[in-house]
C-alpha atoms as a PDB file:
ATOM      1  CA  UNK A   1    -131.609  87.238-146.558  1.00  0.00           C
ATOM      2  CA  UNK A   2    -129.470  84.130-145.800  1.00  0.00           C
ATOM      3  CA  UNK A   3    -130.711  81.776-143.095  1.00  0.00           C
ATOM      4  CA  UNK A   4    -129.115  82.458-139.695  1.00  0.00           C
ATOM      5  CA  UNK A   5    -126.457  80.017-138.494  1.00  0.00           C
ATOM      6  CA  UNK A   6    -128.372  79.581-135.231  1.00  0.00           C
ATOM      7  CA  UNK A   7    -132.079  79.820-134.397  1.00  0.00           C
ATOM      8  CA  UNK A   8    -133.220  83.403-133.887  1.00  0.00           C
ATOM      9  CA  UNK A   9    -134.276  84.008-130.288  1.00  0.00           C
ATOM     10  CA  UNK A  10    -136.745  86.459-128.825  1.00  0.00           C
ATOM     11  CA  UNK A  11    -133.778  88.303-127.318  1.00  0.00           C
ATOM     12  CA  UNK A  12    -132.250  88.720-130.803  1.00  0.00           C
ATOM     13  CA  UNK A  13    -135.495  90.242-132.092  1.00  0.00           C
ATOM     14  CA  UNK A  14    -135.787  92.585-129.100  1.00  0.00           C
ATOM     15  CA  UNK A  15    -132.214  93.845-129.502  1.00  0.00           C
ATOM     16  CA  UNK A  16    -132.624  94.389-133.257  1.00  0.00           C
ATOM     17  CA  UNK A  17    -135.903  96.256-132.700  1.00  0.00           C
ATOM     18  CA  UNK A  18    -134.461  98.340-129.855  1.00  0.00           C
ATOM     19  CA  UNK A  19    -137.007  97.185-127.258  1.00  0.00           C
ATOM     20  CA  UNK A  20    -136.989  95.032-124.156  1.00  0.00           C
ATOM     21  CA  UNK A  21    -137.575  91.275-124.326  1.00  0.00           C
ATOM     22  CA  UNK A  22    -140.882  91.680-122.472  1.00  0.00           C
ATOM     23  CA  UNK A  23    -142.154  94.242-125.022  1.00  0.00           C
ATOM     24  CA  UNK A  24    -141.136  92.010-127.948  1.00  0.00           C
ATOM     25  CA  UNK A  25    -142.855  89.046-126.287  1.00  0.00           C
ATOM     26  CA  UNK A  26    -146.095  90.964-125.719  1.00  0.00           C
ATOM     27  CA  UNK A  27    -146.174  92.189-129.309  1.00  0.00           C
ATOM     28  CA  UNK A  28    -145.535  88.762-130.820  1.00  0.00           C
ATOM     29  CA  UNK A  29    -148.141  87.170-128.559  1.00  0.00           C
ATOM     30  CA  UNK A  30    -150.791  89.612-129.757  1.00  0.00           C
ATOM     31  CA  UNK A  31    -150.949  91.591-126.506  1.00  0.00           C
ATOM     32  CA  UNK A  32    -149.678  94.969-127.718  1.00  0.00           C
ATOM     33  CA  UNK A  33    -153.036  96.682-127.159  1.00  0.00           C
ATOM     34  CA  UNK A  34    -153.488  95.086-123.732  1.00  0.00           C
ATOM     35  CA  UNK A  35    -150.182  96.574-122.560  1.00  0.00           C
ATOM     36  CA  UNK A  36    -150.698  99.862-124.445  1.00  0.00           C
ATOM     37  CA  UNK A  37    -147.695  99.397-126.690  1.00  0.00           C
ATOM     38  CA  UNK A  38    -147.649 102.004-129.467  1.00  0.00           C
ATOM     39  CA  UNK A  39    -148.553 101.096-133.028  1.00  0.00           C
ATOM     40  CA  UNK A  40    -145.118 102.223-134.194  1.00  0.00           C
ATOM     41  CA  UNK A  41    -143.353  99.903-131.744  1.00  0.00           C
ATOM     42  CA  UNK A  42    -145.639  97.006-132.623  1.00  0.00           C
ATOM     43  CA  UNK A  43    -144.989  97.520-136.336  1.00  0.00           C
ATOM     44  CA  UNK A  44    -141.236  97.728-135.769  1.00  0.00           C
ATOM     45  CA  UNK A  45    -141.101  94.525-133.701  1.00  0.00           C
ATOM     46  CA  UNK A  46    -143.186  92.554-136.188  1.00  0.00           C
ATOM     47  CA  UNK A  47    -141.142  93.861-139.129  1.00  0.00           C
ATOM     48  CA  UNK A  48    -137.872  92.831-137.466  1.00  0.00           C
ATOM     49  CA  UNK A  49    -139.256  89.416-136.463  1.00  0.00           C
ATOM     50  CA  UNK A  50    -140.359  88.769-140.032  1.00  0.00           C
ATOM     51  CA  UNK A  51    -137.057  89.892-141.548  1.00  0.00           C
ATOM     52  CA  UNK A  52    -135.148  87.624-139.155  1.00  0.00           C
ATOM     53  CA  UNK A  53    -137.494  84.659-139.855  1.00  0.00           C
ATOM     54  CA  UNK A  54    -138.209  84.390-136.142  1.00  0.00           C
ATOM     55  CA  UNK A  55    -140.097  81.251-135.072  1.00  0.00           C
ATOM     56  CA  UNK A  56    -141.517  81.200-131.521  1.00  0.00           C
ATOM     57  CA  UNK A  57    -140.235  78.356-129.360  1.00  0.00           C
ATOM     58  CA  UNK A  58    -142.991  75.799-128.903  1.00  0.00           C
ATOM     59  CA  UNK A  59    -141.252  74.479-125.798  1.00  0.00           C
ATOM     60  CA  UNK A  60    -141.076  77.925-124.214  1.00  0.00           C
ATOM     61  CA  UNK A  61    -144.686  78.616-125.100  1.00  0.00           C
ATOM     62  CA  UNK A  62    -145.756  75.279-123.603  1.00  0.00           C
ATOM     63  CA  UNK A  63    -143.953  76.049-120.348  1.00  0.00           C
ATOM     64  CA  UNK A  64    -145.530  79.487-120.206  1.00  0.00           C
ATOM     65  CA  UNK A  65    -149.093  78.524-121.101  1.00  0.00           C
ATOM     66  CA  UNK A  66    -149.006  74.984-119.681  1.00  0.00           C
ATOM     67  CA  UNK A  67    -150.380  73.859-123.080  1.00  0.00           C
ATOM     68  CA  UNK A  68    -148.518  71.903-125.743  1.00  0.00           C
ATOM     69  CA  UNK A  69    -151.027  72.443-128.543  1.00  0.00           C
ATOM     70  CA  UNK A  70    -150.396  68.820-129.560  1.00  0.00           C
ATOM     71  CA  UNK A  71    -152.878  66.067-130.377  1.00  0.00           C
ATOM     72  CA  UNK A  72    -151.841  62.440-130.827  1.00  0.00           C
ATOM     73  CA  UNK A  73    -153.379  60.172-133.480  1.00  0.00           C
ATOM     74  CA  UNK A  74    -152.776  56.409-133.433  1.00  0.00           C
ATOM     75  CA  UNK A  75    -153.971  54.217-136.322  1.00  0.00           C
ATOM     76  CA  UNK A  76    -153.435  50.494-137.014  1.00  0.00           C
ATOM     77  CA  UNK A  77    -151.818  50.733-140.449  1.00  0.00           C
ATOM     78  CA  UNK A  78    -150.803  53.862-142.355  1.00  0.00           C
ATOM     79  CA  UNK A  79    -150.300  51.809-145.524  1.00  0.00           C
ATOM     80  CA  UNK A  80    -154.055  51.123-145.491  1.00  0.00           C
ATOM     81  CA  UNK A  81    -155.676  53.998-147.455  1.00  0.00           C
ATOM     82  CA  UNK A  82    -158.651  54.032-145.079  1.00  0.00           C
ATOM     83  CA  UNK A  83    -156.560  54.708-141.972  1.00  0.00           C
ATOM     84  CA  UNK A  84    -154.225  57.084-143.811  1.00  0.00           C
ATOM     85  CA  UNK A  85    -157.312  59.077-144.811  1.00  0.00           C
ATOM     86  CA  UNK A  86    -158.623  59.062-141.228  1.00  0.00           C
ATOM     87  CA  UNK A  87    -155.278  60.427-139.986  1.00  0.00           C
ATOM     88  CA  UNK A  88    -155.256  63.083-142.716  1.00  0.00           C
ATOM     89  CA  UNK A  89    -158.794  64.275-141.964  1.00  0.00           C
ATOM     90  CA  UNK A  90    -158.180  64.429-138.207  1.00  0.00           C
ATOM     91  CA  UNK A  91    -154.973  66.375-138.845  1.00  0.00           C
ATOM     92  CA  UNK A  92    -156.588  68.896-141.198  1.00  0.00           C
ATOM     93  CA  UNK A  93    -159.496  69.514-138.818  1.00  0.00           C
ATOM     94  CA  UNK A  94    -157.224  69.842-135.778  1.00  0.00           C
ATOM     95  CA  UNK A  95    -154.857  72.238-137.551  1.00  0.00           C
ATOM     96  CA  UNK A  96    -157.832  74.418-138.484  1.00  0.00           C
ATOM     97  CA  UNK A  97    -158.501  74.726-134.755  1.00  0.00           C
ATOM     98  CA  UNK A  98    -154.889  75.653-134.017  1.00  0.00           C
ATOM     99  CA  UNK A  99    -153.496  72.285-132.935  1.00  0.00           C
ATOM    100  CA  UNK A 100    -150.508  70.352-134.237  1.00  0.00           C
ATOM    101  CA  UNK A 101    -150.818  66.604-134.725  1.00  0.00           C
ATOM    102  CA  UNK A 102    -148.449  63.686-134.167  1.00  0.00           C
ATOM    103  CA  UNK A 103    -149.498  60.586-136.137  1.00  0.00           C
ATOM    104  CA  UNK A 104    -148.309  57.112-135.123  1.00  0.00           C
ATOM    105  CA  UNK A 105    -148.757  53.633-136.648  1.00  0.00           C
ATOM    106  CA  UNK A 106    -149.486  50.789-134.213  1.00  0.00           C
ATOM    107  CA  UNK A 107    -148.825  48.155-136.908  1.00  0.00           C
ATOM    108  CA  UNK A 108    -151.926  46.205-135.919  1.00  0.00           C
ATOM    109  CA  UNK A 109    -150.577  45.219-132.486  1.00  0.00           C
ATOM    110  CA  UNK A 110    -152.099  46.133-129.137  1.00  0.00           C
ATOM    111  CA  UNK A 111    -148.673  46.044-127.487  1.00  0.00           C
ATOM    112  CA  UNK A 112    -147.309  48.723-129.819  1.00  0.00           C
ATOM    113  CA  UNK A 113    -150.538  50.710-129.457  1.00  0.00           C
ATOM    114  CA  UNK A 114    -150.013  50.827-125.675  1.00  0.00           C
ATOM    115  CA  UNK A 115    -146.358  51.808-126.158  1.00  0.00           C
ATOM    116  CA  UNK A 116    -147.206  54.631-128.559  1.00  0.00           C
ATOM    117  CA  UNK A 117    -149.891  56.018-126.268  1.00  0.00           C
ATOM    118  CA  UNK A 118    -147.353  56.084-123.439  1.00  0.00           C
ATOM    119  CA  UNK A 119    -144.797  57.889-125.606  1.00  0.00           C
ATOM    120  CA  UNK A 120    -147.331  60.431-126.823  1.00  0.00           C
ATOM    121  CA  UNK A 121    -148.530  61.082-123.282  1.00  0.00           C
ATOM    122  CA  UNK A 122    -144.918  61.708-122.246  1.00  0.00           C
ATOM    123  CA  UNK A 123    -144.755  64.403-124.938  1.00  0.00           C
ATOM    124  CA  UNK A 124    -147.544  66.258-123.132  1.00  0.00           C
ATOM    125  CA  UNK A 125    -150.231  65.835-125.778  1.00  0.00           C
ATOM    126  CA  UNK A 126    -153.509  67.500-124.866  1.00  0.00           C
ATOM    127  CA  UNK A 127    -155.750  64.869-126.415  1.00  0.00           C
ATOM    128  CA  UNK A 128    -155.743  61.567-128.255  1.00  0.00           C
ATOM    129  CA  UNK A 129    -157.575  60.036-131.237  1.00  0.00           C
ATOM    130  CA  UNK A 130    -157.197  56.265-131.570  1.00  0.00           C
ATOM    131  CA  UNK A 131    -158.367  53.702-134.128  1.00  0.00           C
ATOM    132  CA  UNK A 132    -158.002  50.682-131.819  1.00  0.00           C
ATOM    133  CA  UNK A 133    -156.311  47.488-132.942  1.00  0.00           C
ATOM    134  CA  UNK A 134    -157.853  44.659-130.956  1.00  0.00           C
ATOM    135  CA  UNK A 135    -160.697  43.863-128.596  1.00  0.00           C
ATOM    136  CA  UNK A 136    -158.932  45.037-125.415  1.00  0.00           C
ATOM    137  CA  UNK A 137    -160.093  48.495-124.328  1.00  0.00           C
ATOM    138  CA  UNK A 138    -158.535  48.449-120.851  1.00  0.00           C
ATOM    139  CA  UNK A 139    -155.545  50.652-121.673  1.00  0.00           C
ATOM    140  CA  UNK A 140    -157.815  53.115-123.495  1.00  0.00           C
ATOM    141  CA  UNK A 141    -160.146  53.373-120.514  1.00  0.00           C
ATOM    142  CA  UNK A 142    -157.063  54.064-118.364  1.00  0.00           C
ATOM    143  CA  UNK A 143    -156.267  57.035-120.615  1.00  0.00           C
ATOM    144  CA  UNK A 144    -159.785  58.365-120.056  1.00  0.00           C
ATOM    145  CA  UNK A 145    -159.497  57.837-116.299  1.00  0.00           C
ATOM    146  CA  UNK A 146    -156.231  59.817-116.295  1.00  0.00           C
ATOM    147  CA  UNK A 147    -158.327  62.814-117.493  1.00  0.00           C
ATOM    148  CA  UNK A 148    -156.634  62.947-120.903  1.00  0.00           C
ATOM    149  CA  UNK A 149    -159.395  63.518-123.486  1.00  0.00           C
ATOM    150  CA  UNK A 150    -159.641  60.562-125.873  1.00  0.00           C
ATOM    151  CA  UNK A 151    -161.858  59.737-128.863  1.00  0.00           C
ATOM    152  CA  UNK A 152    -162.007  56.331-130.542  1.00  0.00           C
ATOM    153  CA  UNK A 153    -162.655  56.035-134.288  1.00  0.00           C
ATOM    154  CA  UNK A 154    -163.897  53.173-136.482  1.00  0.00           C
ATOM    155  CA  UNK A 155    -162.977  50.058-134.475  1.00  0.00           C
ATOM    156  CA  UNK A 156    -164.985  51.016-131.456  1.00  0.00           C
ATOM    157  CA  UNK A 157    -166.305  48.886-128.592  1.00  0.00           C
ATOM    158  CA  UNK A 158    -169.708  47.827-127.308  1.00  0.00           C
ATOM    159  CA  UNK A 159    -170.596  48.970-123.783  1.00  0.00           C
ATOM    160  CA  UNK A 160    -167.485  51.152-123.597  1.00  0.00           C
ATOM    161  CA  UNK A 161    -167.598  54.324-121.514  1.00  0.00           C
ATOM    162  CA  UNK A 162    -165.638  56.447-124.013  1.00  0.00           C
ATOM    163  CA  UNK A 163    -166.390  58.981-126.742  1.00  0.00           C
ATOM    164  CA  UNK A 164    -166.567  56.979-129.989  1.00  0.00           C
ATOM    165  CA  UNK A 165    -167.115  57.800-133.666  1.00  0.00           C
ATOM    166  CA  UNK A 166    -167.829  55.042-136.165  1.00  0.00           C
ATOM    167  CA  UNK A 167    -169.839  54.177-139.263  1.00  0.00           C
ATOM    168  CA  UNK A 168    -173.283  52.621-139.333  1.00  0.00           C
ATOM    169  CA  UNK A 169    -171.756  49.219-140.046  1.00  0.00           C
ATOM    170  CA  UNK A 170    -174.950  47.223-139.579  1.00  0.00           C
ATOM    171  CA  UNK A 171    -177.043  49.178-142.095  1.00  0.00           C
ATOM    172  CA  UNK A 172    -174.222  49.300-144.642  1.00  0.00           C
ATOM    173  CA  UNK A 173    -173.652  45.542-144.484  1.00  0.00           C
ATOM    174  CA  UNK A 174    -177.394  44.913-144.669  1.00  0.00           C
ATOM    175  CA  UNK A 175    -177.681  46.768-147.982  1.00  0.00           C
ATOM    176  CA  UNK A 176    -174.625  45.020-149.446  1.00  0.00           C
ATOM    177  CA  UNK A 177    -175.907  41.567-148.493  1.00  0.00           C
ATOM    178  CA  UNK A 178    -179.390  42.443-149.764  1.00  0.00           C
ATOM    179  CA  UNK A 179    -177.867  43.320-153.148  1.00  0.00           C
ATOM    180  CA  UNK A 180    -176.185  39.909-153.368  1.00  0.00           C
ATOM    181  CA  UNK A 181    -179.403  38.146-152.401  1.00  0.00           C
ATOM    182  CA  UNK A 182    -181.472  40.184-154.862  1.00  0.00           C
ATOM    183  CA  UNK A 183    -179.185  38.985-157.665  1.00  0.00           C
ATOM    184  CA  UNK A 184    -180.013  35.400-156.734  1.00  0.00           C
ATOM    185  CA  UNK A 185    -176.961  34.397-154.695  1.00  0.00           C
ATOM    186  CA  UNK A 186    -177.631  31.892-151.923  1.00  0.00           C
ATOM    187  CA  UNK A 187    -174.229  30.338-151.199  1.00  0.00           C
ATOM    188  CA  UNK A 188    -172.242  33.347-150.036  1.00  0.00           C
ATOM    189  CA  UNK A 189    -168.826  33.218-148.399  1.00  0.00           C
ATOM    190  CA  UNK A 190    -167.982  35.864-145.809  1.00  0.00           C
ATOM    191  CA  UNK A 191    -164.437  37.157-145.277  1.00  0.00           C
ATOM    192  CA  UNK A 192    -164.542  38.639-141.807  1.00  0.00           C
ATOM    193  CA  UNK A 193    -162.113  40.934-140.047  1.00  0.00           C
ATOM    194  CA  UNK A 194    -161.101  40.739-136.400  1.00  0.00           C
ATOM    195  CA  UNK A 195    -163.761  38.766-134.489  1.00  0.00           C
ATOM    196  CA  UNK A 196    -165.132  40.556-131.443  1.00  0.00           C
ATOM    197  CA  UNK A 197    -164.565  44.079-132.739  1.00  0.00           C
ATOM    198  CA  UNK A 198    -167.627  46.273-133.143  1.00  0.00           C
ATOM    199  CA  UNK A 199    -167.240  46.827-136.925  1.00  0.00           C
ATOM    200  CA  UNK A 200    -166.888  43.102-137.565  1.00  0.00           C
ATOM    201  CA  UNK A 201    -169.792  42.046-135.354  1.00  0.00           C
ATOM    202  CA  UNK A 202    -172.093  44.817-136.594  1.00  0.00           C
ATOM    203  CA  UNK A 203    -171.353  43.994-140.236  1.00  0.00           C
ATOM    204  CA  UNK A 204    -172.091  40.322-139.591  1.00  0.00           C
ATOM    205  CA  UNK A 205    -175.329  41.293-137.839  1.00  0.00           C
ATOM    206  CA  UNK A 206    -176.432  43.423-140.793  1.00  0.00           C
ATOM    207  CA  UNK A 207    -175.669  40.591-143.192  1.00  0.00           C
ATOM    208  CA  UNK A 208    -177.654  38.109-141.096  1.00  0.00           C
ATOM    209  CA  UNK A 209    -180.623  40.493-140.978  1.00  0.00           C
ATOM    210  CA  UNK A 210    -180.650  40.638-144.783  1.00  0.00           C
ATOM    211  CA  UNK A 211    -180.598  36.831-144.955  1.00  0.00           C
ATOM    212  CA  UNK A 212    -183.461  36.568-142.467  1.00  0.00           C
ATOM    213  CA  UNK A 213    -185.606  39.084-144.352  1.00  0.00           C
ATOM    214  CA  UNK A 214    -184.988  37.202-147.611  1.00  0.00           C
ATOM    215  CA  UNK A 215    -185.879  33.947-145.822  1.00  0.00           C
ATOM    216  CA  UNK A 216    -182.497  32.478-146.715  1.00  0.00           C
ATOM    217  CA  UNK A 217    -180.689  30.277-144.190  1.00  0.00           C
ATOM    218  CA  UNK A 218    -177.390  31.834-143.115  1.00  0.00           C
ATOM    219  CA  UNK A 219    -174.560  29.277-142.990  1.00  0.00           C
ATOM    220  CA  UNK A 220    -172.008  30.280-140.302  1.00  0.00           C
ATOM    221  CA  UNK A 221    -169.517  27.711-141.639  1.00  0.00           C
ATOM    222  CA  UNK A 222    -169.022  29.992-144.655  1.00  0.00           C
ATOM    223  CA  UNK A 223    -167.583  32.748-142.437  1.00  0.00           C
ATOM    224  CA  UNK A 224    -163.773  32.702-142.469  1.00  0.00           C
ATOM    225  CA  UNK A 225    -160.946  35.030-141.474  1.00  0.00           C
ATOM    226  CA  UNK A 226    -159.227  36.493-138.439  1.00  0.00           C
ATOM    227  CA  UNK A 227    -158.291  40.067-139.328  1.00  0.00           C
ATOM    228  CA  UNK A 228    -158.905  43.041-141.630  1.00  0.00           C
ATOM    229  CA  UNK A 229    -155.870  42.209-143.772  1.00  0.00           C
ATOM    230  CA  UNK A 230    -155.095  41.114-147.321  1.00  0.00           C
ATOM    231  CA  UNK A 231    -153.427  37.972-145.963  1.00  0.00           C
ATOM    232  CA  UNK A 232    -156.578  36.963-144.094  1.00  0.00           C
ATOM    233  CA  UNK A 233    -158.707  37.626-147.184  1.00  0.00           C
ATOM    234  CA  UNK A 234    -156.389  35.599-149.401  1.00  0.00           C
ATOM    235  CA  UNK A 235    -156.155  32.593-147.087  1.00  0.00           C
ATOM    236  CA  UNK A 236    -159.884  32.606-146.315  1.00  0.00           C
ATOM    237  CA  UNK A 237    -160.854  32.799-149.986  1.00  0.00           C
ATOM    238  CA  UNK A 238    -158.460  30.011-150.954  1.00  0.00           C
ATOM    239  CA  UNK A 239    -159.907  27.828-148.212  1.00  0.00           C
ATOM    240  CA  UNK A 240    -163.533  28.628-149.049  1.00  0.00           C
ATOM    241  CA  UNK A 241    -163.339  28.221-152.819  1.00  0.00           C
ATOM    242  CA  UNK A 242    -161.410  24.953-152.574  1.00  0.00           C
ATOM    243  CA  UNK A 243    -163.664  23.414-149.917  1.00  0.00           C
ATOM    244  CA  UNK A 244    -166.922  24.876-151.236  1.00  0.00           C
ATOM    245  CA  UNK A 245    -166.731  25.298-155.022  1.00  0.00           C
ATOM    246  CA  UNK A 246    -170.497  25.940-155.013  1.00  0.00           C
ATOM    247  CA  UNK A 247    -169.911  29.419-153.542  1.00  0.00           C
ATOM    248  CA  UNK A 248    -171.087  32.032-156.063  1.00  0.00           C
ATOM    249  CA  UNK A 249    -170.358  35.249-154.138  1.00  0.00           C
ATOM    250  CA  UNK A 250    -168.105  36.684-151.454  1.00  0.00           C
ATOM    251  CA  UNK A 251    -168.776  39.481-148.996  1.00  0.00           C
ATOM    252  CA  UNK A 252    -165.430  40.888-147.819  1.00  0.00           C
ATOM    253  CA  UNK A 253    -165.833  42.878-144.617  1.00  0.00           C
ATOM    254  CA  UNK A 254    -162.915  45.166-145.550  1.00  0.00           C
ATOM    255  CA  UNK A 255    -161.126  46.286-148.704  1.00  0.00           C
ATOM    256  CA  UNK A 256    -157.817  44.579-147.735  1.00  0.00           C
ATOM    257  CA  UNK A 257    -159.828  41.349-147.318  1.00  0.00           C
ATOM    258  CA  UNK A 258    -161.249  41.922-150.815  1.00  0.00           C
ATOM    259  CA  UNK A 259    -157.782  42.517-152.293  1.00  0.00           C
ATOM    260  CA  UNK A 260    -156.688  39.148-150.941  1.00  0.00           C
ATOM    261  CA  UNK A 261    -159.878  37.555-152.251  1.00  0.00           C
ATOM    262  CA  UNK A 262    -159.242  38.813-155.782  1.00  0.00           C
ATOM    263  CA  UNK A 263    -155.718  37.393-155.753  1.00  0.00           C
ATOM    264  CA  UNK A 264    -156.914  34.004-154.501  1.00  0.00           C
ATOM    265  CA  UNK A 265    -159.812  33.857-156.976  1.00  0.00           C
ATOM    266  CA  UNK A 266    -157.436  34.617-159.858  1.00  0.00           C
ATOM    267  CA  UNK A 267    -155.046  31.851-158.789  1.00  0.00           C
ATOM    268  CA  UNK A 268    -157.897  29.349-158.497  1.00  0.00           C
ATOM    269  CA  UNK A 269    -159.334  30.401-161.851  1.00  0.00           C
ATOM    270  CA  UNK A 270    -162.640  31.947-160.757  1.00  0.00           C
ATOM    271  CA  UNK A 271    -163.376  34.996-162.916  1.00  0.00           C
ATOM    272  CA  UNK A 272    -164.889  38.043-161.191  1.00  0.00           C
ATOM    273  CA  UNK A 273    -167.746  38.804-161.639  1.00  0.00           C
ATOM    274  CA  UNK A 274    -168.713  36.179-164.272  1.00  0.00           C
ATOM    275  CA  UNK A 275    -168.006  33.209-162.001  1.00  0.00           C
ATOM    276  CA  UNK A 276    -167.734  34.910-158.626  1.00  0.00           C
ATOM    277  CA  UNK A 277    -169.414  38.105-157.423  1.00  0.00           C
ATOM    278  CA  UNK A 278    -167.693  40.220-154.767  1.00  0.00           C
ATOM    279  CA  UNK A 279    -168.856  43.102-152.593  1.00  0.00           C
ATOM    280  CA  UNK A 280    -166.721  44.760-149.950  1.00  0.00           C
ATOM    281  CA  UNK A 281    -166.882  47.174-147.031  1.00  0.00           C
ATOM    282  CA  UNK A 282    -164.554  50.218-146.819  1.00  0.00           C
ATOM    283  CA  UNK A 283    -164.090  52.095-150.045  1.00  0.00           C
ATOM    284  CA  UNK A 284    -160.559  52.876-151.195  1.00  0.00           C
ATOM    285  CA  UNK A 285    -158.996  54.694-154.154  1.00  0.00           C
ATOM    286  CA  UNK A 286    -158.106  51.279-155.588  1.00  0.00           C
ATOM    287  CA  UNK A 287    -161.654  49.858-155.617  1.00  0.00           C
ATOM    288  CA  UNK A 288    -162.608  51.898-158.680  1.00  0.00           C
ATOM    289  CA  UNK A 289    -159.285  51.362-160.473  1.00  0.00           C
ATOM    290  CA  UNK A 290    -159.127  47.570-160.422  1.00  0.00           C
ATOM    291  CA  UNK A 291    -159.596  45.505-163.569  1.00  0.00           C
ATOM    292  CA  UNK A 292    -162.958  44.628-162.023  1.00  0.00           C
ATOM    293  CA  UNK A 293    -164.113  47.731-160.077  1.00  0.00           C
ATOM    294  CA  UNK A 294    -165.517  46.497-156.767  1.00  0.00           C
ATOM    295  CA  UNK A 295    -168.990  47.235-155.489  1.00  0.00           C
ATOM    296  CA  UNK A 296    -168.472  48.566-151.988  1.00  0.00           C
ATOM    297  CA  UNK A 297    -170.029  50.014-148.876  1.00  0.00           C
ATOM    298  CA  UNK A 298    -168.384  53.419-148.695  1.00  0.00           C
ATOM    299  CA  UNK A 299    -167.615  54.942-145.316  1.00  0.00           C
ATOM    300  CA  UNK A 300    -167.518  58.727-145.145  1.00  0.00           C
ATOM    301  CA  UNK A 301    -163.880  58.993-144.092  1.00  0.00           C
ATOM    302  CA  UNK A 302    -163.951  62.781-144.112  1.00  0.00           C
ATOM    303  CA  UNK A 303    -166.868  62.913-141.688  1.00  0.00           C
ATOM    304  CA  UNK A 304    -165.310  60.233-139.481  1.00  0.00           C
ATOM    305  CA  UNK A 305    -162.041  62.146-139.157  1.00  0.00           C
ATOM    306  CA  UNK A 306    -163.568  65.601-138.816  1.00  0.00           C
ATOM    307  CA  UNK A 307    -166.154  64.389-136.297  1.00  0.00           C
ATOM    308  CA  UNK A 308    -163.478  62.717-134.171  1.00  0.00           C
ATOM    309  CA  UNK A 309    -161.355  65.864-134.211  1.00  0.00           C
ATOM    310  CA  UNK A 310    -164.279  68.160-133.415  1.00  0.00           C
ATOM    311  CA  UNK A 311    -165.450  66.019-130.502  1.00  0.00           C
ATOM    312  CA  UNK A 312    -161.928  65.911-129.092  1.00  0.00           C
ATOM    313  CA  UNK A 313    -161.548  69.684-129.327  1.00  0.00           C
ATOM    314  CA  UNK A 314    -164.946  70.209-127.697  1.00  0.00           C
ATOM    315  CA  UNK A 315    -163.760  68.036-124.830  1.00  0.00           C
ATOM    316  CA  UNK A 316    -160.502  70.002-124.613  1.00  0.00           C
ATOM    317  CA  UNK A 317    -162.302  73.333-124.472  1.00  0.00           C
ATOM    318  CA  UNK A 318    -165.227  72.290-122.292  1.00  0.00           C
ATOM    319  CA  UNK A 319    -165.398  73.403-118.692  1.00  0.00           C
ATOM    320  CA  UNK A 320    -167.501  70.354-117.945  1.00  0.00           C
ATOM    321  CA  UNK A 321    -167.047  66.670-118.736  1.00  0.00           C
ATOM    322  CA  UNK A 322    -168.777  65.360-121.842  1.00  0.00           C
ATOM    323  CA  UNK A 323    -170.954  62.282-121.481  1.00  0.00           C
ATOM    324  CA  UNK A 324    -169.373  59.449-123.490  1.00  0.00           C
ATOM    325  CA  UNK A 325    -171.431  58.512-126.534  1.00  0.00           C
ATOM    326  CA  UNK A 326    -171.305  56.475-129.740  1.00  0.00           C
ATOM    327  CA  UNK A 327    -171.724  58.641-132.855  1.00  0.00           C
ATOM    328  CA  UNK A 328    -172.551  56.774-136.069  1.00  0.00           C
ATOM    329  CA  UNK A 329    -171.894  58.146-139.566  1.00  0.00           C
ATOM    330  CA  UNK A 330    -174.059  56.953-142.472  1.00  0.00           C
ATOM    331  CA  UNK A 331    -172.575  54.733-145.181  1.00  0.00           C
ATOM    332  CA  UNK A 332    -173.312  54.588-148.927  1.00  0.00           C
ATOM    333  CA  UNK A 333    -173.496  51.505-151.148  1.00  0.00           C
ATOM    334  CA  UNK A 334    -171.696  52.028-154.470  1.00  0.00           C
ATOM    335  CA  UNK A 335    -172.551  49.411-157.127  1.00  0.00           C
ATOM    336  CA  UNK A 336    -169.599  49.141-159.509  1.00  0.00           C
ATOM    337  CA  UNK A 337    -170.930  45.990-161.154  1.00  0.00           C
ATOM    338  CA  UNK A 338    -168.770  43.361-159.451  1.00  0.00           C
ATOM    339  CA  UNK A 339    -172.085  41.688-158.575  1.00  0.00           C
ATOM    340  CA  UNK A 340    -174.010  39.751-161.235  1.00  0.00           C
ATOM    341  CA  UNK A 341    -176.464  36.835-161.005  1.00  0.00           C
ATOM    342  CA  UNK A 342    -174.901  33.407-160.291  1.00  0.00           C
ATOM    343  CA  UNK A 343    -173.680  31.498-163.378  1.00  0.00           C
ATOM    344  CA  UNK A 344    -176.538  28.984-163.141  1.00  0.00           C
ATOM    345  CA  UNK A 345    -179.070  31.824-163.426  1.00  0.00           C
ATOM    346  CA  UNK A 346    -177.213  33.507-166.273  1.00  0.00           C
ATOM    347  CA  UNK A 347    -177.207  30.273-168.275  1.00  0.00           C
ATOM    348  CA  UNK A 348    -180.859  29.397-167.626  1.00  0.00           C
END
């Protein structure tokens, strides 16, 4: 059957089925039994609707039910596999529960994040999932105060009165740093992400705990970087390896940081892992495919996305307010052999 020149309306279906618009509406909204509509009529209406490829108007349904069925998702960078995966998992989980999802990319700027949240709110979304960009949570708290359900994922905040889902950054970083130390590394450069964000500070704390337990002095001057980006990783690594050639290992606090580190190390002539060990946080599809597969702290992206979606939907369906809480998902250290003993130990 050729596609109709114009969208098929409920009135078109009713006329073709020989019933009133109200009867057609009740059948297609699953209320035939409630209004005692005969099985024959119900079958006829559904058959006609299917043959005409009728699609209910979401706008009309929203006006009638006062529900849009929409959830907004805002992430910092859709080109980053980690955030793309978060958006995908939230979307899949939300669709399973009957919601449609609008995904937006804040491009790592708080200003655009605010703008997108305003635009999504204007589209009558019922709830919001955000992977925040910076260290300012004021506009996110305003969303919560407006009674729009909101869940933060990954880059969460300390002492923030919102529902938050993140990884156990501290424990994951502790195990990664402990692996470097166990291999004999003592001069370790750290490529940090955005200072002040919970993931960055918790990962640094875990690393420092590992140093303390190994009775190794942690040198804060070997911490460089200003964001979770490849550019930051590249510039920080170039700076560190040129100013401190005695560095034998790098801990990149994100995979983009590690990508930049690999590029800088190659340009400087430091072979990984023979002359420079690297471990990173945030697994990605590329970590296992590189010429030197990177050892990494793997976050359970599926659980992060599904958990965020489930908590949001619980809040949407609850008749009472949920107490804000921070939910942490366990991480896993995957050793892909980008960590070996320092050259001086290998040659001794």
